[in-house]
Amino acid sequence: MIRLLYFARLREQLDTPGEEIAPTADLATVGDILALLRRRGGVWSERLAEEAPVLAAVNQETARPETPVVDGDEVAFFPPVTGG
């Protein structure tokens, strides 16, 4: 299984702290997972849209859409944060 975690306002907007999805041949990258989640429609496609500012991490390492994902990985999605 691939464990998905949602943080900060994404957690609130998606109304879930996370979930698990089964790995498949067409879920090879972070971008593939985002595309799968967007296909759910509604708030999922709005908050995870390609133009939306969403960051990702795989196993607590910063990730990009092309970052590979395999069975047993943890993928986190979170909005960018600003400091000051």
N, C-alpha and C. Protein backbone atom coordinates (compact mmCIF):
# COMPACT_ATOMS: atom_id res chain seq x y z
N MET A 1 0.84 -1.19 0.00
CA MET A 1 0.00 0.00 0.00
C MET A 1 0.88 1.25 0.00
N ILE A 2 0.35 2.30 -0.55
CA ILE A 2 1.00 3.61 -0.53
C ILE A 2 0.18 4.47 0.43
N ARG A 3 0.84 5.01 1.42
CA ARG A 3 0.15 5.83 2.42
C ARG A 3 0.19 7.29 1.99
N LEU A 4 -0.98 7.90 1.90
CA LEU A 4 -1.09 9.32 1.55
C LEU A 4 -1.46 10.10 2.80
N LEU A 5 -0.77 11.22 3.00
CA LEU A 5 -1.05 12.10 4.12
C LEU A 5 -1.33 13.50 3.59
N TYR A 6 -2.29 14.17 4.23
CA TYR A 6 -2.65 15.54 3.85
C TYR A 6 -2.45 16.43 5.06
N PHE A 7 -1.79 17.57 4.86
CA PHE A 7 -1.45 18.44 5.98
C PHE A 7 -2.04 19.83 5.84
N ALA A 8 -2.12 20.51 6.98
CA ALA A 8 -2.56 21.91 7.09
C ALA A 8 -3.95 22.09 6.46
N ARG A 9 -4.12 23.14 5.68
CA ARG A 9 -5.46 23.42 5.16
C ARG A 9 -5.94 22.35 4.17
N LEU A 10 -5.02 21.63 3.54
CA LEU A 10 -5.45 20.54 2.67
C LEU A 10 -6.21 19.49 3.46
N ARG A 11 -5.72 19.18 4.64
CA ARG A 11 -6.39 18.21 5.52
C ARG A 11 -7.82 18.67 5.81
N GLU A 12 -7.96 19.95 6.08
CA GLU A 12 -9.28 20.50 6.38
C GLU A 12 -10.18 20.52 5.14
N GLN A 13 -9.63 20.95 4.02
CA GLN A 13 -10.43 21.08 2.81
C GLN A 13 -10.84 19.72 2.24
N LEU A 14 -9.97 18.74 2.34
CA LEU A 14 -10.27 17.40 1.83
C LEU A 14 -11.01 16.55 2.86
N ASP A 15 -11.08 17.06 4.08
CA ASP A 15 -11.80 16.41 5.18
C ASP A 15 -11.25 15.02 5.51
N THR A 16 -9.92 14.89 5.44
CA THR A 16 -9.28 13.64 5.82
C THR A 16 -7.80 13.88 6.11
N PRO A 17 -7.26 13.20 7.12
CA PRO A 17 -5.82 13.33 7.37
C PRO A 17 -4.98 12.45 6.46
N GLY A 18 -5.62 11.46 5.83
CA GLY A 18 -4.87 10.58 4.95
C GLY A 18 -5.65 9.35 4.55
N GLU A 19 -5.00 8.51 3.78
CA GLU A 19 -5.61 7.29 3.29
C GLU A 19 -4.52 6.38 2.73
N GLU A 20 -4.91 5.19 2.38
CA GLU A 20 -3.99 4.27 1.73
C GLU A 20 -4.57 3.89 0.38
N ILE A 21 -3.68 3.78 -0.62
CA ILE A 21 -4.11 3.35 -1.93
C ILE A 21 -3.22 2.18 -2.36
N ALA A 22 -3.79 1.31 -3.15
CA ALA A 22 -3.04 0.16 -3.65
C ALA A 22 -2.13 0.60 -4.80
N PRO A 23 -0.89 0.16 -4.78
CA PRO A 23 -0.01 0.48 -5.90
C PRO A 23 -0.45 -0.27 -7.16
N THR A 24 -0.35 0.41 -8.28
CA THR A 24 -0.66 -0.20 -9.57
C THR A 24 0.40 0.24 -10.57
N ALA A 25 0.41 -0.38 -11.72
CA ALA A 25 1.40 -0.05 -12.75
C ALA A 25 1.29 1.39 -13.22
N ASP A 26 0.08 1.95 -13.17
CA ASP A 26 -0.09 3.33 -13.64
C ASP A 26 0.05 4.37 -12.52
N LEU A 27 0.47 3.95 -11.34
CA LEU A 27 0.78 4.87 -10.23
C LEU A 27 2.27 4.79 -9.92
N ALA A 28 3.08 5.28 -10.83
CA ALA A 28 4.53 5.16 -10.69
C ALA A 28 5.19 6.41 -10.14
N THR A 29 4.48 7.55 -10.14
CA THR A 29 5.08 8.81 -9.71
C THR A 29 4.10 9.61 -8.85
N VAL A 30 4.63 10.64 -8.21
CA VAL A 30 3.79 11.56 -7.45
C VAL A 30 2.75 12.20 -8.38
N GLY A 31 3.15 12.55 -9.58
CA GLY A 31 2.22 13.13 -10.55
C GLY A 31 1.08 12.18 -10.90
N ASP A 32 1.38 10.89 -10.99
CA ASP A 32 0.33 9.91 -11.26
C ASP A 32 -0.68 9.87 -10.12
N ILE A 33 -0.19 9.94 -8.90
CA ILE A 33 -1.09 9.94 -7.74
C ILE A 33 -1.95 11.20 -7.74
N LEU A 34 -1.34 12.34 -7.99
CA LEU A 34 -2.12 13.58 -8.06
C LEU A 34 -3.20 13.50 -9.13
N ALA A 35 -2.88 12.93 -10.29
CA ALA A 35 -3.86 12.80 -11.36
C ALA A 35 -5.01 11.90 -10.91
N LEU A 36 -4.70 10.82 -10.23
CA LEU A 36 -5.74 9.92 -9.70
C LEU A 36 -6.65 10.66 -8.73
N LEU A 37 -6.07 11.42 -7.83
CA LEU A 37 -6.87 12.16 -6.84
C LEU A 37 -7.73 13.23 -7.51
N ARG A 38 -7.19 13.90 -8.52
CA ARG A 38 -7.97 14.93 -9.24
C ARG A 38 -9.19 14.34 -9.92
N ARG A 39 -9.07 13.11 -10.39
CA ARG A 39 -10.20 12.47 -11.10
C ARG A 39 -11.38 12.23 -10.17
N ARG A 40 -11.20 12.37 -8.87
CA ARG A 40 -12.32 12.24 -7.94
C ARG A 40 -13.30 13.38 -8.11
N GLY A 41 -12.84 14.49 -8.67
CA GLY A 41 -13.70 15.64 -8.91
C GLY A 41 -13.90 16.48 -7.66
N GLY A 42 -14.80 17.44 -7.75
CA GLY A 42 -15.13 18.30 -6.62
C GLY A 42 -13.93 18.97 -6.00
N VAL A 43 -13.91 18.97 -4.67
CA VAL A 43 -12.84 19.64 -3.93
C VAL A 43 -11.48 19.02 -4.24
N TRP A 44 -11.45 17.74 -4.57
CA TRP A 44 -10.18 17.07 -4.90
C TRP A 44 -9.55 17.69 -6.14
N SER A 45 -10.33 17.87 -7.19
CA SER A 45 -9.78 18.45 -8.41
C SER A 45 -9.47 19.93 -8.23
N GLU A 46 -10.22 20.61 -7.39
CA GLU A 46 -9.96 22.03 -7.14
C GLU A 46 -8.68 22.25 -6.34
N ARG A 47 -8.55 21.58 -5.23
CA ARG A 47 -7.42 21.81 -4.31
C ARG A 47 -6.11 21.19 -4.78
N LEU A 48 -6.21 20.18 -5.65
CA LEU A 48 -5.00 19.51 -6.14
C LEU A 48 -4.77 19.79 -7.62
N ALA A 49 -5.42 20.83 -8.15
CA ALA A 49 -5.27 21.19 -9.56
C ALA A 49 -3.81 21.47 -9.89
N GLU A 50 -3.46 21.29 -11.16
CA GLU A 50 -2.07 21.49 -11.57
C GLU A 50 -1.57 22.88 -11.24
N GLU A 51 -2.43 23.88 -11.32
CA GLU A 51 -2.00 25.25 -11.03
C GLU A 51 -2.08 25.59 -9.53
N ALA A 52 -2.62 24.69 -8.73
CA ALA A 52 -2.72 24.94 -7.29
C ALA A 52 -1.36 24.78 -6.62
N PRO A 53 -1.07 25.62 -5.65
CA PRO A 53 0.22 25.51 -4.95
C PRO A 53 0.20 24.38 -3.92
N VAL A 54 0.61 23.19 -4.35
CA VAL A 54 0.67 22.03 -3.48
C VAL A 54 2.07 21.44 -3.55
N LEU A 55 2.65 21.18 -2.40
CA LEU A 55 3.97 20.56 -2.33
C LEU A 55 3.80 19.10 -1.94
N ALA A 56 4.83 18.31 -2.25
CA ALA A 56 4.77 16.88 -1.94
C ALA A 56 6.10 16.43 -1.34
N ALA A 57 6.01 15.35 -0.58
CA ALA A 57 7.20 14.70 -0.04
C ALA A 57 6.97 13.19 -0.12
N VAL A 58 8.02 12.46 -0.45
CA VAL A 58 7.97 11.00 -0.45
C VAL A 58 8.95 10.53 0.62
N ASN A 59 8.42 9.82 1.58
CA ASN A 59 9.23 9.33 2.71
C ASN A 59 10.01 10.47 3.37
N GLN A 60 9.31 11.59 3.55
CA GLN A 60 9.80 12.77 4.23
C GLN A 60 10.93 13.48 3.49
N GLU A 61 11.03 13.26 2.18
CA GLU A 61 11.99 13.96 1.33
C GLU A 61 11.20 14.74 0.28
N THR A 62 11.56 16.00 0.06
CA THR A 62 10.88 16.82 -0.92
C THR A 62 10.78 16.08 -2.25
N ALA A 63 9.62 16.16 -2.86
CA ALA A 63 9.37 15.43 -4.11
C ALA A 63 8.80 16.33 -5.18
N ARG A 64 8.97 15.91 -6.42
CA ARG A 64 8.42 16.60 -7.58
C ARG A 64 7.44 15.65 -8.26
N PRO A 65 6.66 16.12 -9.21
CA PRO A 65 5.70 15.23 -9.87
C PRO A 65 6.35 13.98 -10.48
N GLU A 66 7.58 14.08 -10.93
CA GLU A 66 8.24 12.94 -11.56
C GLU A 66 8.93 11.99 -10.56
N THR A 67 8.86 12.32 -9.26
CA THR A 67 9.47 11.46 -8.24
C THR A 67 8.78 10.10 -8.22
N PRO A 68 9.56 9.02 -8.31
CA PRO A 68 8.97 7.67 -8.29
C PRO A 68 8.33 7.33 -6.95
N VAL A 69 7.30 6.50 -7.01
CA VAL A 69 6.60 6.03 -5.82
C VAL A 69 6.43 4.51 -5.96
N VAL A 70 6.71 3.80 -4.88
CA VAL A 70 6.56 2.34 -4.89
C VAL A 70 5.78 1.88 -3.66
N ASP A 71 5.40 0.64 -3.68
CA ASP A 71 4.67 0.03 -2.58
C ASP A 71 5.44 0.26 -1.27
N GLY A 72 4.74 0.68 -0.24
CA GLY A 72 5.35 0.93 1.06
C GLY A 72 5.76 2.37 1.30
N ASP A 73 5.70 3.21 0.26
CA ASP A 73 6.08 4.62 0.42
C ASP A 73 4.99 5.40 1.14
N GLU A 74 5.43 6.50 1.74
CA GLU A 74 4.53 7.47 2.35
C GLU A 74 4.64 8.74 1.52
N VAL A 75 3.51 9.22 1.03
CA VAL A 75 3.48 10.43 0.20
C VAL A 75 2.64 11.47 0.93
N ALA A 76 3.25 12.62 1.20
CA ALA A 76 2.57 13.70 1.91
C ALA A 76 2.33 14.86 0.95
N PHE A 77 1.16 15.46 1.07
CA PHE A 77 0.81 16.65 0.31
C PHE A 77 0.48 17.77 1.29
N PHE A 78 1.00 18.96 0.98
CA PHE A 78 0.80 20.09 1.87
C PHE A 78 0.92 21.39 1.10
N PRO A 79 0.24 22.43 1.60
CA PRO A 79 0.34 23.73 0.94
C PRO A 79 1.69 24.37 1.29
N PRO A 80 2.17 25.25 0.43
CA PRO A 80 3.40 25.97 0.77
C PRO A 80 3.18 26.82 2.02
N VAL A 81 4.21 26.98 2.79
CA VAL A 81 4.12 27.82 3.99
C VAL A 81 5.06 29.01 3.82
N THR A 82 4.67 30.10 4.43
CA THR A 82 5.52 31.28 4.39
C THR A 82 5.96 31.58 5.81
N GLY A 83 7.11 32.12 5.89
CA GLY A 83 7.64 32.49 7.22
C GLY A 83 7.86 33.97 7.29
N GLY A 84 8.20 34.39 8.44
CA GLY A 84 8.41 35.83 8.56
C GLY A 84 9.00 36.17 9.89
